Amino acid sequence: MAQSDEKLMAFVRSEMEKNPEISTTDLFEKAKASVAAAKELTMRQFHARYPLQVKRQASLAAGGGKRRRRRAARRKGKDAAKAGNAARDAVRGALLKFASDLTAAEERKDLVHVVVHPGQDLHQVLKAARP
């Protein structure tokens, strides 16, 4: 920003701190009377460059930015859902492997071994189920 622009920004900021409900029209008239750089701007340019930016900065400083927070929350939810799906798929895969080991047991001793010593299958289920 040029020197005059900084003066105008400081003026607008101080006026808005004094009276937060001041209209843009009144603020523009005061600015034109106080700072020469304001005379070169249209109302629209003035509003976009100064009051709007002051309000935006104040909103961000106060923890504003609702849209940004909502997007971040949605992103977190999607990531959690993906992680939940991955965990569910891992548990399902481990249980299917256990079931196929059970059905593959040809003799009673093989069946007993699979049930009594689930070993790696159980380990995979527990690992996938943990957050």
C-alpha atoms as a PDB file:
ATOM      1  CA  MET A   1       0.000   0.000   0.000  1.00  0.00           C
ATOM      2  CA  ALA A   2       1.106   3.565  -0.620  1.00  0.00           C
ATOM      3  CA  GLN A   3       1.552   5.970   2.293  1.00  0.00           C
ATOM      4  CA  SER A   4      -1.836   7.628   1.718  1.00  0.00           C
ATOM      5  CA  ASP A   5      -3.536   4.220   1.538  1.00  0.00           C
ATOM      6  CA  GLU A   6      -2.108   3.286   4.927  1.00  0.00           C
ATOM      7  CA  LYS A   7      -3.419   6.533   6.347  1.00  0.00           C
ATOM      8  CA  LEU A   8      -6.846   5.817   4.903  1.00  0.00           C
ATOM      9  CA  MET A   9      -6.844   2.277   6.272  1.00  0.00           C
ATOM     10  CA  ALA A  10      -5.844   3.561   9.722  1.00  0.00           C
ATOM     11  CA  PHE A  11      -8.578   6.191   9.555  1.00  0.00           C
ATOM     12  CA  VAL A  12     -11.240   3.660   8.563  1.00  0.00           C
ATOM     13  CA  ARG A  13     -10.097   1.217  11.245  1.00  0.00           C
ATOM     14  CA  SER A  14     -10.224   3.868  13.987  1.00  0.00           C
ATOM     15  CA  GLU A  15     -13.651   5.138  12.887  1.00  0.00           C
ATOM     16  CA  MET A  16     -15.051   1.622  12.787  1.00  0.00           C
ATOM     17  CA  GLU A  17     -13.662   0.893  16.259  1.00  0.00           C
ATOM     18  CA  LYS A  18     -15.322   4.045  17.593  1.00  0.00           C
ATOM     19  CA  ASN A  19     -18.644   3.278  15.903  1.00  0.00           C
ATOM     20  CA  PRO A  20     -19.014  -0.299  14.607  1.00  0.00           C
ATOM     21  CA  GLU A  21     -22.517   0.436  13.261  1.00  0.00           C
ATOM     22  CA  ILE A  22     -21.431   3.323  11.020  1.00  0.00           C
ATOM     23  CA  SER A  23     -22.769   3.083   7.491  1.00  0.00           C
ATOM     24  CA  THR A  24     -20.396   2.866   4.558  1.00  0.00           C
ATOM     25  CA  THR A  25     -21.846   6.076   3.112  1.00  0.00           C
ATOM     26  CA  ASP A  26     -21.160   8.054   6.292  1.00  0.00           C
ATOM     27  CA  LEU A  27     -17.716   6.513   6.611  1.00  0.00           C
ATOM     28  CA  PHE A  28     -16.918   7.370   2.988  1.00  0.00           C
ATOM     29  CA  GLU A  29     -17.993  11.004   3.482  1.00  0.00           C
ATOM     30  CA  LYS A  30     -15.862  11.303   6.629  1.00  0.00           C
ATOM     31  CA  ALA A  31     -12.910   9.706   4.848  1.00  0.00           C
ATOM     32  CA  LYS A  32     -13.171  12.095   1.874  1.00  0.00           C
ATOM     33  CA  ALA A  33     -13.161  15.032   4.293  1.00  0.00           C
ATOM     34  CA  SER A  34     -10.157  13.720   6.250  1.00  0.00           C
ATOM     35  CA  VAL A  35      -7.905  11.830   3.810  1.00  0.00           C
ATOM     36  CA  ALA A  36      -7.183  13.064   0.286  1.00  0.00           C
ATOM     37  CA  ALA A  37      -6.725   9.551  -1.156  1.00  0.00           C
ATOM     38  CA  ALA A  38     -10.394   8.762  -0.495  1.00  0.00           C
ATOM     39  CA  LYS A  39     -11.504  11.450  -2.961  1.00  0.00           C
ATOM     40  CA  GLU A  40     -10.052   9.443  -5.857  1.00  0.00           C
ATOM     41  CA  LEU A  41     -12.182   6.367  -5.101  1.00  0.00           C
ATOM     42  CA  THR A  42     -15.749   5.456  -5.900  1.00  0.00           C
ATOM     43  CA  MET A  43     -18.006   4.279  -3.094  1.00  0.00           C
ATOM     44  CA  ARG A  44     -17.699   0.718  -4.322  1.00  0.00           C
ATOM     45  CA  GLN A  45     -13.886   0.822  -4.464  1.00  0.00           C
ATOM     46  CA  PHE A  46     -13.721   2.427  -1.038  1.00  0.00           C
ATOM     47  CA  HIS A  47     -15.988  -0.199   0.514  1.00  0.00           C
ATOM     48  CA  ALA A  48     -14.081  -3.110  -1.040  1.00  0.00           C
ATOM     49  CA  ARG A  49     -10.631  -1.841  -0.116  1.00  0.00           C
ATOM     50  CA  TYR A  50     -11.199  -0.491   3.371  1.00  0.00           C
ATOM     51  CA  PRO A  51     -14.332  -1.202   5.489  1.00  0.00           C
ATOM     52  CA  LEU A  52     -14.795  -4.676   4.057  1.00  0.00           C
ATOM     53  CA  GLN A  53     -11.166  -5.591   4.744  1.00  0.00           C
ATOM     54  CA  VAL A  54     -11.326  -4.201   8.282  1.00  0.00           C
ATOM     55  CA  LYS A  55     -14.441  -6.294   8.975  1.00  0.00           C
ATOM     56  CA  ARG A  56     -12.817  -9.367   7.451  1.00  0.00           C
ATOM     57  CA  GLN A  57      -9.671  -9.004   9.558  1.00  0.00           C
ATOM     58  CA  ALA A  58     -11.745  -8.485  12.709  1.00  0.00           C
ATOM     59  CA  SER A  59     -13.822 -11.578  11.928  1.00  0.00           C
ATOM     60  CA  LEU A  60     -10.751 -13.746  11.410  1.00  0.00           C
ATOM     61  CA  ALA A  61      -9.122 -12.411  14.570  1.00  0.00           C
ATOM     62  CA  ALA A  62     -12.275 -13.210  16.547  1.00  0.00           C
ATOM     63  CA  GLY A  63     -12.241 -16.801  15.313  1.00  0.00           C
ATOM     64  CA  GLY A  64     -14.597 -16.156  12.432  1.00  0.00           C
ATOM     65  CA  GLY A  65     -14.477 -17.951   9.155  1.00  0.00           C
ATOM     66  CA  LYS A  66     -17.463 -20.254   9.684  1.00  0.00           C
ATOM     67  CA  ARG A  67     -17.208 -21.596   6.174  1.00  0.00           C
ATOM     68  CA  ARG A  68     -13.560 -22.579   6.667  1.00  0.00           C
ATOM     69  CA  ARG A  69     -14.383 -24.336   9.955  1.00  0.00           C
ATOM     70  CA  ARG A  70     -17.311 -26.200   8.361  1.00  0.00           C
ATOM     71  CA  ARG A  71     -15.121 -27.383   5.506  1.00  0.00           C
ATOM     72  CA  ALA A  72     -12.447 -28.568   7.929  1.00  0.00           C
ATOM     73  CA  ALA A  73     -15.068 -30.422   9.980  1.00  0.00           C
ATOM     74  CA  ARG A  74     -16.454 -32.076   6.853  1.00  0.00           C
ATOM     75  CA  ARG A  75     -12.950 -33.063   5.793  1.00  0.00           C
ATOM     76  CA  LYS A  76     -12.297 -34.576   9.230  1.00  0.00           C
ATOM     77  CA  GLY A  77     -15.556 -36.485   9.023  1.00  0.00           C
ATOM     78  CA  LYS A  78     -14.687 -37.866   5.609  1.00  0.00           C
ATOM     79  CA  ASP A  79     -11.227 -38.896   6.792  1.00  0.00           C
ATOM     80  CA  ALA A  80     -12.738 -40.592   9.837  1.00  0.00           C
ATOM     81  CA  ALA A  81     -15.252 -42.375   7.622  1.00  0.00           C
ATOM     82  CA  LYS A  82     -12.464 -43.583   5.339  1.00  0.00           C
ATOM     83  CA  ALA A  83     -10.484 -44.804   8.341  1.00  0.00           C
ATOM     84  CA  GLY A  84     -13.612 -46.501   9.706  1.00  0.00           C
ATOM     85  CA  ASN A  85     -14.237 -48.186   6.373  1.00  0.00           C
ATOM     86  CA  ALA A  86     -10.639 -49.371   6.186  1.00  0.00           C
ATOM     87  CA  ALA A  87     -10.828 -50.777   9.717  1.00  0.00           C
ATOM     88  CA  ARG A  88     -14.149 -52.463   8.978  1.00  0.00           C
ATOM     89  CA  ASP A  89     -12.749 -53.988   5.808  1.00  0.00           C
ATOM     90  CA  ALA A  90      -9.665 -55.250   7.662  1.00  0.00           C
ATOM     91  CA  VAL A  91     -11.797 -56.858  10.396  1.00  0.00           C
ATOM     92  CA  ARG A  92     -14.072 -58.377   7.781  1.00  0.00           C
ATOM     93  CA  GLY A  93     -11.091 -59.774   5.874  1.00  0.00           C
ATOM     94  CA  ALA A  94      -9.569 -61.308   8.993  1.00  0.00           C
ATOM     95  CA  LEU A  95     -12.894 -62.890   9.990  1.00  0.00           C
ATOM     96  CA  LEU A  96     -13.393 -64.268   6.488  1.00  0.00           C
ATOM     97  CA  LYS A  97      -9.924 -65.801   6.624  1.00  0.00           C
ATOM     98  CA  PHE A  98     -10.770 -67.361   9.989  1.00  0.00           C
ATOM     99  CA  ALA A  99     -14.013 -68.738   8.537  1.00  0.00           C
ATOM    100  CA  SER A 100     -12.208 -70.170   5.527  1.00  0.00           C
ATOM    101  CA  ASP A 101      -9.641 -71.815   7.856  1.00  0.00           C
ATOM    102  CA  LEU A 102     -12.547 -73.380   9.743  1.00  0.00           C
ATOM    103  CA  THR A 103     -14.146 -74.722   6.593  1.00  0.00           C
ATOM    104  CA  ALA A 104     -10.793 -75.969   5.278  1.00  0.00           C
ATOM    105  CA  ALA A 105     -10.247 -78.119   8.363  1.00  0.00           C
ATOM    106  CA  GLU A 106     -10.664 -81.670   7.141  1.00  0.00           C
ATOM    107  CA  GLU A 107     -10.203 -83.533  10.388  1.00  0.00           C
ATOM    108  CA  ARG A 108     -11.418 -82.842  13.879  1.00  0.00           C
ATOM    109  CA  LYS A 109      -7.896 -82.126  15.152  1.00  0.00           C
ATOM    110  CA  ASP A 110      -7.476 -79.401  12.445  1.00  0.00           C
ATOM    111  CA  LEU A 111     -10.768 -77.825  13.487  1.00  0.00           C
ATOM    112  CA  VAL A 112      -9.767 -77.843  17.147  1.00  0.00           C
ATOM    113  CA  HIS A 113      -6.391 -76.311  16.243  1.00  0.00           C
ATOM    114  CA  VAL A 114      -8.033 -73.431  14.317  1.00  0.00           C
ATOM    115  CA  VAL A 115     -10.485 -72.682  17.146  1.00  0.00           C
ATOM    116  CA  VAL A 116      -8.049 -73.064  20.039  1.00  0.00           C
ATOM    117  CA  HIS A 117      -5.166 -71.247  18.342  1.00  0.00           C
ATOM    118  CA  PRO A 118      -6.671 -68.442  16.261  1.00  0.00           C
ATOM    119  CA  GLY A 119      -3.274 -66.711  16.385  1.00  0.00           C
ATOM    120  CA  GLN A 120      -2.719 -64.466  13.397  1.00  0.00           C
ATOM    121  CA  ASP A 121      -6.423 -64.164  12.538  1.00  0.00           C
ATOM    122  CA  LEU A 122      -7.331 -62.866  15.987  1.00  0.00           C
ATOM    123  CA  HIS A 123      -4.298 -60.596  15.983  1.00  0.00           C
ATOM    124  CA  GLN A 124      -5.441 -59.065  12.667  1.00  0.00           C
ATOM    125  CA  VAL A 125      -8.969 -58.483  13.994  1.00  0.00           C
ATOM    126  CA  LEU A 126      -7.702 -56.783  17.152  1.00  0.00           C
ATOM    127  CA  LYS A 127      -5.196 -54.698  15.206  1.00  0.00           C
ATOM    128  CA  ALA A 128      -7.837 -53.488  12.753  1.00  0.00           C
ATOM    129  CA  ALA A 129     -10.381 -52.769  15.490  1.00  0.00           C
ATOM    130  CA  ARG A 130      -8.083 -50.453  17.441  1.00  0.00           C
ATOM    131  CA  PRO A 131      -8.307 -46.718  16.631  1.00  0.00           C
END
